[in-house]
Amino acid sequence: MIKRNNDIGFIKKTIADYFRTQVDVTVNLGRNKTQRFCGELSGVYPALFTVRPNDKNYLGKTSYSYAEVLCGNVTVRPVKKENAE
C-alpha cells in the first residue's frame, strides 16, 4: 500500500485547524507500546504543538513536533461529538 505524500506544511495546517478543540492523541512509544489520551489542543507554534490532557493526573509529555506526526509516531484526531436527542 502506498502512503499519501504528506509534508510538514500540510500537517501544520491540519493541526492548526484543530486549535482549541478536543482531540484524541495516540503516541507510539516503541516495542508495541502505545499511549492514548484525550485533551484540548492548547497551543500551535512554528515547531511544535501542545495538548492539555483532560486527566489532571496525566504525567506524560504534552508537546509534540510536527515531524513526529509526519513519521507516524503521533496521531492526532478530532473527537467526534455524539448527537444527543
PDB file of N, CA and C in Angstrom:
ATOM      1  N   MET A   1       0.835  -1.172   0.000  1.00  0.00           N
ATOM      2  CA  MET A   1       0.000   0.000   0.000  1.00  0.00           C
ATOM      3  C   MET A   1       0.887   1.245   0.000  1.00  0.00           C
ATOM      4  N   ILE A   2       0.589   2.176  -0.840  1.00  0.00           N
ATOM      5  CA  ILE A   2       1.374   3.390  -0.959  1.00  0.00           C
ATOM      6  C   ILE A   2       0.762   4.459  -0.049  1.00  0.00           C
ATOM      7  N   LYS A   3       1.608   5.065   0.795  1.00  0.00           N
ATOM      8  CA  LYS A   3       1.135   6.124   1.676  1.00  0.00           C
ATOM      9  C   LYS A   3       0.995   7.433   0.903  1.00  0.00           C
ATOM     10  N   ARG A   4       0.060   8.246   1.338  1.00  0.00           N
ATOM     11  CA  ARG A   4      -0.125   9.556   0.731  1.00  0.00           C
ATOM     12  C   ARG A   4       1.078  10.433   1.064  1.00  0.00           C
ATOM     13  N   ASN A   5       1.539  11.205   0.118  1.00  0.00           N
ATOM     14  CA  ASN A   5       2.718  12.038   0.310  1.00  0.00           C
ATOM     15  C   ASN A   5       2.339  13.301   1.088  1.00  0.00           C
ATOM     16  N   ASN A   6       2.617  13.307   2.382  1.00  0.00           N
ATOM     17  CA  ASN A   6       2.350  14.471   3.220  1.00  0.00           C
ATOM     18  C   ASN A   6       3.624  15.274   3.388  1.00  0.00           C
ATOM     19  N   ASP A   7       3.462  16.535   3.697  1.00  0.00           N
ATOM     20  CA  ASP A   7       4.609  17.348   4.026  1.00  0.00           C
ATOM     21  C   ASP A   7       4.309  18.110   5.311  1.00  0.00           C
ATOM     22  N   ILE A   8       5.328  18.720   5.863  1.00  0.00           N
ATOM     23  CA  ILE A   8       5.193  19.415   7.139  1.00  0.00           C
ATOM     24  C   ILE A   8       4.157  20.541   7.044  1.00  0.00           C
ATOM     25  N   GLY A   9       4.117  21.247   5.944  1.00  0.00           N
ATOM     26  CA  GLY A   9       3.160  22.341   5.776  1.00  0.00           C
ATOM     27  C   GLY A   9       1.718  21.873   5.855  1.00  0.00           C
ATOM     28  N   PHE A  10       1.431  20.741   5.228  1.00  0.00           N
ATOM     29  CA  PHE A  10       0.078  20.175   5.276  1.00  0.00           C
ATOM     30  C   PHE A  10      -0.285  19.761   6.697  1.00  0.00           C
ATOM     31  N   ILE A  11       0.665  19.155   7.404  1.00  0.00           N
ATOM     32  CA  ILE A  11       0.423  18.712   8.782  1.00  0.00           C
ATOM     33  C   ILE A  11       0.212  19.918   9.697  1.00  0.00           C
ATOM     34  N   LYS A  12       1.012  20.973   9.537  1.00  0.00           N
ATOM     35  CA  LYS A  12       0.846  22.178  10.352  1.00  0.00           C
ATOM     36  C   LYS A  12      -0.534  22.795  10.156  1.00  0.00           C
ATOM     37  N   LYS A  13      -0.995  22.857   8.909  1.00  0.00           N
ATOM     38  CA  LYS A  13      -2.307  23.437   8.623  1.00  0.00           C
ATOM     39  C   LYS A  13      -3.418  22.582   9.215  1.00  0.00           C
ATOM     40  N   THR A  14      -3.304  21.267   9.083  1.00  0.00           N
ATOM     41  CA  THR A  14      -4.317  20.371   9.616  1.00  0.00           C
ATOM     42  C   THR A  14      -4.411  20.487  11.138  1.00  0.00           C
ATOM     43  N   ILE A  15      -3.279  20.516  11.813  1.00  0.00           N
ATOM     44  CA  ILE A  15      -3.286  20.623  13.271  1.00  0.00           C
ATOM     45  C   ILE A  15      -3.753  22.005  13.703  1.00  0.00           C
ATOM     46  N   ALA A  16      -3.407  23.049  12.959  1.00  0.00           N
ATOM     47  CA  ALA A  16      -3.877  24.395  13.296  1.00  0.00           C
ATOM     48  C   ALA A  16      -5.403  24.487  13.197  1.00  0.00           C
ATOM     49  N   ASP A  17      -6.013  23.689  12.322  1.00  0.00           N
ATOM     50  CA  ASP A  17      -7.473  23.664  12.211  1.00  0.00           C
ATOM     51  C   ASP A  17      -8.127  23.075  13.455  1.00  0.00           C
ATOM     52  N   TYR A  18      -7.402  22.260  14.220  1.00  0.00           N
ATOM     53  CA  TYR A  18      -7.936  21.632  15.432  1.00  0.00           C
ATOM     54  C   TYR A  18      -7.706  22.493  16.680  1.00  0.00           C
ATOM     55  N   PHE A  19      -7.158  23.704  16.531  1.00  0.00           N
ATOM     56  CA  PHE A  19      -6.817  24.564  17.669  1.00  0.00           C
ATOM     57  C   PHE A  19      -8.048  24.826  18.532  1.00  0.00           C
ATOM     58  N   ARG A  20      -7.884  24.672  19.848  1.00  0.00           N
ATOM     59  CA  ARG A  20      -8.926  24.872  20.867  1.00  0.00           C
ATOM     60  C   ARG A  20     -10.092  23.894  20.743  1.00  0.00           C
ATOM     61  N   THR A  21      -9.841  22.720  20.188  1.00  0.00           N
ATOM     62  CA  THR A  21     -10.863  21.684  20.126  1.00  0.00           C
ATOM     63  C   THR A  21     -10.363  20.442  20.853  1.00  0.00           C
ATOM     64  N   GLN A  22     -11.279  19.540  21.159  1.00  0.00           N
ATOM     65  CA  GLN A  22     -10.926  18.281  21.808  1.00  0.00           C
ATOM     66  C   GLN A  22     -10.346  17.337  20.759  1.00  0.00           C
ATOM     67  N   VAL A  23      -9.203  16.738  21.067  1.00  0.00           N
ATOM     68  CA  VAL A  23      -8.536  15.819  20.151  1.00  0.00           C
ATOM     69  C   VAL A  23      -8.204  14.525  20.873  1.00  0.00           C
ATOM     70  N   ASP A  24      -8.080  13.473  20.095  1.00  0.00           N
ATOM     71  CA  ASP A  24      -7.665  12.169  20.584  1.00  0.00           C
ATOM     72  C   ASP A  24      -6.233  11.952  20.100  1.00  0.00           C
ATOM     73  N   VAL A  25      -5.299  11.771  21.026  1.00  0.00           N
ATOM     74  CA  VAL A  25      -3.875  11.643  20.694  1.00  0.00           C
ATOM     75  C   VAL A  25      -3.425  10.219  20.975  1.00  0.00           C
ATOM     76  N   THR A  26      -2.751   9.614  20.009  1.00  0.00           N
ATOM     77  CA  THR A  26      -2.154   8.296  20.186  1.00  0.00           C
ATOM     78  C   THR A  26      -0.658   8.431  19.931  1.00  0.00           C
ATOM     79  N   VAL A  27       0.140   7.975  20.908  1.00  0.00           N
ATOM     80  CA  VAL A  27       1.594   8.092  20.826  1.00  0.00           C
ATOM     81  C   VAL A  27       2.193   6.696  20.782  1.00  0.00           C
ATOM     82  N   ASN A  28       3.040   6.428  19.788  1.00  0.00           N
ATOM     83  CA  ASN A  28       3.738   5.161  19.681  1.00  0.00           C
ATOM     84  C   ASN A  28       5.031   5.281  20.488  1.00  0.00           C
ATOM     85  N   LEU A  29       5.133   4.493  21.553  1.00  0.00           N
ATOM     86  CA  LEU A  29       6.311   4.546  22.422  1.00  0.00           C
ATOM     87  C   LEU A  29       7.374   3.525  22.052  1.00  0.00           C
ATOM     88  N   GLY A  30       7.120   2.707  21.043  1.00  0.00           N
ATOM     89  CA  GLY A  30       8.071   1.690  20.631  1.00  0.00           C
ATOM     90  C   GLY A  30       7.839   0.371  21.338  1.00  0.00           C
ATOM     91  N   ARG A  31       8.356  -0.705  20.763  1.00  0.00           N
ATOM     92  CA  ARG A  31       8.225  -2.054  21.327  1.00  0.00           C
ATOM     93  C   ARG A  31       6.774  -2.411  21.644  1.00  0.00           C
ATOM     94  N   ASN A  32       5.892  -2.146  20.690  1.00  0.00           N
ATOM     95  CA  ASN A  32       4.468  -2.461  20.793  1.00  0.00           C
ATOM     96  C   ASN A  32       3.773  -1.770  21.961  1.00  0.00           C
ATOM     97  N   LYS A  33       4.270  -0.615  22.382  1.00  0.00           N
ATOM     98  CA  LYS A  33       3.627   0.146  23.444  1.00  0.00           C
ATOM     99  C   LYS A  33       3.044   1.427  22.855  1.00  0.00           C
ATOM    100  N   THR A  34       1.803   1.689  23.184  1.00  0.00           N
ATOM    101  CA  THR A  34       1.174   2.928  22.766  1.00  0.00           C
ATOM    102  C   THR A  34       0.508   3.587  23.960  1.00  0.00           C
ATOM    103  N   GLN A  35       0.348   4.875  23.865  1.00  0.00           N
ATOM    104  CA  GLN A  35      -0.317   5.643  24.902  1.00  0.00           C
ATOM    105  C   GLN A  35      -1.387   6.480  24.216  1.00  0.00           C
ATOM    106  N   ARG A  36      -2.591   6.495  24.791  1.00  0.00           N
ATOM    107  CA  ARG A  36      -3.700   7.203  24.170  1.00  0.00           C
ATOM    108  C   ARG A  36      -4.399   8.051  25.224  1.00  0.00           C
ATOM    109  N   PHE A  37      -4.716   9.282  24.853  1.00  0.00           N
ATOM    110  CA  PHE A  37      -5.454  10.161  25.758  1.00  0.00           C
ATOM    111  C   PHE A  37      -6.221  11.203  24.961  1.00  0.00           C
ATOM    112  N   CYS A  38      -7.196  11.813  25.612  1.00  0.00           N
ATOM    113  CA  CYS A  38      -7.977  12.890  25.020  1.00  0.00           C
ATOM    114  C   CYS A  38      -7.612  14.188  25.734  1.00  0.00           C
ATOM    115  N   GLY A  39      -7.653  15.275  24.993  1.00  0.00           N
ATOM    116  CA  GLY A  39      -7.357  16.572  25.577  1.00  0.00           C
ATOM    117  C   GLY A  39      -7.664  17.691  24.614  1.00  0.00           C
ATOM    118  N   GLU A  40      -7.366  18.906  25.039  1.00  0.00           N
ATOM    119  CA  GLU A  40      -7.601  20.088  24.218  1.00  0.00           C
ATOM    120  C   GLU A  40      -6.291  20.520  23.579  1.00  0.00           C
ATOM    121  N   LEU A  41      -6.323  20.770  22.281  1.00  0.00           N
ATOM    122  CA  LEU A  41      -5.144  21.284  21.582  1.00  0.00           C
ATOM    123  C   LEU A  41      -4.990  22.743  22.001  1.00  0.00           C
ATOM    124  N   SER A  42      -4.057  22.999  22.917  1.00  0.00           N
ATOM    125  CA  SER A  42      -3.993  24.300  23.569  1.00  0.00           C
ATOM    126  C   SER A  42      -3.000  25.275  22.941  1.00  0.00           C
ATOM    127  N   GLY A  43      -2.067  24.796  22.149  1.00  0.00           N
ATOM    128  CA  GLY A  43      -1.095  25.698  21.558  1.00  0.00           C
ATOM    129  C   GLY A  43      -0.579  25.193  20.229  1.00  0.00           C
ATOM    130  N   VAL A  44      -0.440  26.114  19.276  1.00  0.00           N
ATOM    131  CA  VAL A  44       0.128  25.786  17.970  1.00  0.00           C
ATOM    132  C   VAL A  44       1.265  26.766  17.725  1.00  0.00           C
ATOM    133  N   TYR A  45       2.479  26.241  17.608  1.00  0.00           N
ATOM    134  CA  TYR A  45       3.675  27.045  17.457  1.00  0.00           C
ATOM    135  C   TYR A  45       4.396  26.640  16.172  1.00  0.00           C
ATOM    136  N   PRO A  46       5.396  27.415  15.725  1.00  0.00           N
ATOM    137  CA  PRO A  46       6.067  27.088  14.461  1.00  0.00           C
ATOM    138  C   PRO A  46       6.739  25.718  14.430  1.00  0.00           C
ATOM    139  N   ALA A  47       7.273  25.241  15.563  1.00  0.00           N
ATOM    140  CA  ALA A  47       7.998  23.973  15.557  1.00  0.00           C
ATOM    141  C   ALA A  47       7.277  22.844  16.278  1.00  0.00           C
ATOM    142  N   LEU A  48       6.263  23.167  17.093  1.00  0.00           N
ATOM    143  CA  LEU A  48       5.578  22.124  17.856  1.00  0.00           C
ATOM    144  C   LEU A  48       4.166  22.563  18.202  1.00  0.00           C
ATOM    145  N   PHE A  49       3.404  21.623  18.775  1.00  0.00           N
ATOM    146  CA  PHE A  49       2.057  21.918  19.260  1.00  0.00           C
ATOM    147  C   PHE A  49       1.895  21.264  20.624  1.00  0.00           C
ATOM    148  N   THR A  50       0.996  21.803  21.445  1.00  0.00           N
ATOM    149  CA  THR A  50       0.800  21.288  22.794  1.00  0.00           C
ATOM    150  C   THR A  50      -0.638  20.838  22.973  1.00  0.00           C
ATOM    151  N   VAL A  51      -0.806  19.810  23.790  1.00  0.00           N
ATOM    152  CA  VAL A  51      -2.124  19.267  24.104  1.00  0.00           C
ATOM    153  C   VAL A  51      -2.266  19.247  25.620  1.00  0.00           C
ATOM    154  N   ARG A  52      -3.379  19.798  26.112  1.00  0.00           N
ATOM    155  CA  ARG A  52      -3.664  19.779  27.548  1.00  0.00           C
ATOM    156  C   ARG A  52      -4.581  18.586  27.821  1.00  0.00           C
ATOM    157  N   PRO A  53      -4.091  17.534  28.489  1.00  0.00           N
ATOM    158  CA  PRO A  53      -4.909  16.345  28.742  1.00  0.00           C
ATOM    159  C   PRO A  53      -6.100  16.657  29.650  1.00  0.00           C
ATOM    160  N   ASN A  54      -7.206  15.937  29.438  1.00  0.00           N
ATOM    161  CA  ASN A  54      -8.388  16.097  30.283  1.00  0.00           C
ATOM    162  C   ASN A  54      -8.148  15.534  31.676  1.00  0.00           C
ATOM    163  N   ASP A  55      -7.271  14.549  31.803  1.00  0.00           N
ATOM    164  CA  ASP A  55      -6.967  13.911  33.086  1.00  0.00           C
ATOM    165  C   ASP A  55      -5.925  14.739  33.831  1.00  0.00           C
ATOM    166  N   LYS A  56      -6.259  15.207  35.028  1.00  0.00           N
ATOM    167  CA  LYS A  56      -5.338  16.038  35.816  1.00  0.00           C
ATOM    168  C   LYS A  56      -4.132  15.246  36.312  1.00  0.00           C
ATOM    169  N   ASN A  57      -4.246  13.928  36.435  1.00  0.00           N
ATOM    170  CA  ASN A  57      -3.155  13.095  36.934  1.00  0.00           C
ATOM    171  C   ASN A  57      -2.238  12.591  35.817  1.00  0.00           C
ATOM    172  N   TYR A  58      -2.434  13.052  34.594  1.00  0.00           N
ATOM    173  CA  TYR A  58      -1.620  12.602  33.466  1.00  0.00           C
ATOM    174  C   TYR A  58      -0.198  13.133  33.630  1.00  0.00           C
ATOM    175  N   LEU A  59       0.786  12.249  33.565  1.00  0.00           N
ATOM    176  CA  LEU A  59       2.172  12.631  33.782  1.00  0.00           C
ATOM    177  C   LEU A  59       3.026  12.572  32.521  1.00  0.00           C
ATOM    178  N   GLY A  60       2.411  12.363  31.372  1.00  0.00           N
ATOM    179  CA  GLY A  60       3.172  12.201  30.136  1.00  0.00           C
ATOM    180  C   GLY A  60       3.523  13.510  29.464  1.00  0.00           C
ATOM    181  N   LYS A  61       4.215  13.385  28.357  1.00  0.00           N
ATOM    182  CA  LYS A  61       4.625  14.521  27.551  1.00  0.00           C
ATOM    183  C   LYS A  61       3.411  15.108  26.844  1.00  0.00           C
ATOM    184  N   THR A  62       3.291  16.406  26.815  1.00  0.00           N
ATOM    185  CA  THR A  62       2.136  17.012  26.169  1.00  0.00           C
ATOM    186  C   THR A  62       2.502  17.978  25.051  1.00  0.00           C
ATOM    187  N   SER A  63       3.746  17.995  24.630  1.00  0.00           N
ATOM    188  CA  SER A  63       4.123  18.791  23.469  1.00  0.00           C
ATOM    189  C   SER A  63       4.767  17.866  22.442  1.00  0.00           C
ATOM    190  N   TYR A  64       4.409  18.064  21.193  1.00  0.00           N
ATOM    191  CA  TYR A  64       4.866  17.180  20.130  1.00  0.00           C
ATOM    192  C   TYR A  64       5.287  18.014  18.929  1.00  0.00           C
ATOM    193  N   SER A  65       6.264  17.524  18.187  1.00  0.00           N
ATOM    194  CA  SER A  65       6.700  18.221  16.983  1.00  0.00           C
ATOM    195  C   SER A  65       5.903  17.695  15.793  1.00  0.00           C
ATOM    196  N   TYR A  66       5.858  18.496  14.754  1.00  0.00           N
ATOM    197  CA  TYR A  66       5.148  18.094  13.541  1.00  0.00           C
ATOM    198  C   TYR A  66       5.853  16.921  12.855  1.00  0.00           C
ATOM    199  N   ALA A  67       7.166  16.803  13.069  1.00  0.00           N
ATOM    200  CA  ALA A  67       7.920  15.690  12.491  1.00  0.00           C
ATOM    201  C   ALA A  67       7.474  14.357  13.091  1.00  0.00           C
ATOM    202  N   GLU A  68       7.084  14.347  14.372  1.00  0.00           N
ATOM    203  CA  GLU A  68       6.590  13.121  14.991  1.00  0.00           C
ATOM    204  C   GLU A  68       5.283  12.673  14.339  1.00  0.00           C
ATOM    205  N   VAL A  69       4.463  13.624  13.935  1.00  0.00           N
ATOM    206  CA  VAL A  69       3.224  13.290  13.230  1.00  0.00           C
ATOM    207  C   VAL A  69       3.556  12.777  11.838  1.00  0.00           C
ATOM    208  N   LEU A  70       4.500  13.430  11.160  1.00  0.00           N
ATOM    209  CA  LEU A  70       4.893  13.023   9.811  1.00  0.00           C
ATOM    210  C   LEU A  70       5.463  11.611   9.800  1.00  0.00           C
ATOM    211  N   CYS A  71       6.260  11.256  10.801  1.00  0.00           N
ATOM    212  CA  CYS A  71       6.865   9.924  10.886  1.00  0.00           C
ATOM    213  C   CYS A  71       5.882   8.851  11.337  1.00  0.00           C
ATOM    214  N   GLY A  72       4.752   9.244  11.887  1.00  0.00           N
ATOM    215  CA  GLY A  72       3.763   8.271  12.332  1.00  0.00           C
ATOM    216  C   GLY A  72       3.878   7.896  13.789  1.00  0.00           C
ATOM    217  N   ASN A  73       4.748   8.563  14.540  1.00  0.00           N
ATOM    218  CA  ASN A  73       4.881   8.263  15.966  1.00  0.00           C
ATOM    219  C   ASN A  73       3.734   8.845  16.775  1.00  0.00           C
ATOM    220  N   VAL A  74       3.101   9.888  16.269  1.00  0.00           N
ATOM    221  CA  VAL A  74       1.987  10.545  16.952  1.00  0.00           C
ATOM    222  C   VAL A  74       0.853  10.725  15.953  1.00  0.00           C
ATOM    223  N   THR A  75      -0.370  10.386  16.375  1.00  0.00           N
ATOM    224  CA  THR A  75      -1.542  10.671  15.555  1.00  0.00           C
ATOM    225  C   THR A  75      -2.484  11.559  16.354  1.00  0.00           C
ATOM    226  N   VAL A  76      -3.061  12.534  15.683  1.00  0.00           N
ATOM    227  CA  VAL A  76      -3.988  13.482  16.305  1.00  0.00           C
ATOM    228  C   VAL A  76      -5.265  13.470  15.487  1.00  0.00           C
ATOM    229  N   ARG A  77      -6.376  13.193  16.180  1.00  0.00           N
ATOM    230  CA  ARG A  77      -7.682  13.163  15.514  1.00  0.00           C
ATOM    231  C   ARG A  77      -8.678  13.958  16.333  1.00  0.00           C
ATOM    232  N   PRO A  78      -9.572  14.682  15.679  1.00  0.00           N
ATOM    233  CA  PRO A  78     -10.606  15.390  16.447  1.00  0.00           C
ATOM    234  C   PRO A  78     -11.571  14.395  17.073  1.00  0.00           C
ATOM    235  N   VAL A  79     -12.074  14.749  18.257  1.00  0.00           N
ATOM    236  CA  VAL A  79     -13.049  13.899  18.948  1.00  0.00           C
ATOM    237  C   VAL A  79     -14.412  14.153  18.319  1.00  0.00           C
ATOM    238  N   LYS A  80     -15.072  13.072  17.930  1.00  0.00           N
ATOM    239  CA  LYS A  80     -16.392  13.206  17.325  1.00  0.00           C
ATOM    240  C   LYS A  80     -17.418  13.436  18.427  1.00  0.00           C
ATOM    241  N   LYS A  81     -18.273  14.419  18.214  1.00  0.00           N
ATOM    242  CA  LYS A  81     -19.310  14.728  19.183  1.00  0.00           C
ATOM    243  C   LYS A  81     -20.523  13.870  18.905  1.00  0.00           C
ATOM    244  N   GLU A  82     -21.067  13.285  19.973  1.00  0.00           N
ATOM    245  CA  GLU A  82     -22.252  12.444  19.866  1.00  0.00           C
ATOM    246  C   GLU A  82     -23.482  13.348  19.809  1.00  0.00           C
ATOM    247  N   ASN A  83     -24.422  12.991  18.955  1.00  0.00           N
ATOM    248  CA  ASN A  83     -25.679  13.727  18.880  1.00  0.00           C
ATOM    249  C   ASN A  83     -26.646  13.192  19.906  1.00  0.00           C
ATOM    250  N   ALA A  84     -26.912  13.957  20.931  1.00  0.00           N
ATOM    251  CA  ALA A  84     -27.842  13.536  21.978  1.00  0.00           C
ATOM    252  C   ALA A  84     -29.220  14.074  21.660  1.00  0.00           C
ATOM    253  N   GLU A  85     -30.171  13.195  21.652  1.00  0.00           N
ATOM    254  CA  GLU A  85     -31.549  13.622  21.358  1.00  0.00           C
ATOM    255  C   GLU A  85     -32.417  13.448  22.546  1.00  0.00           C
TER     256      GLU A  85
END
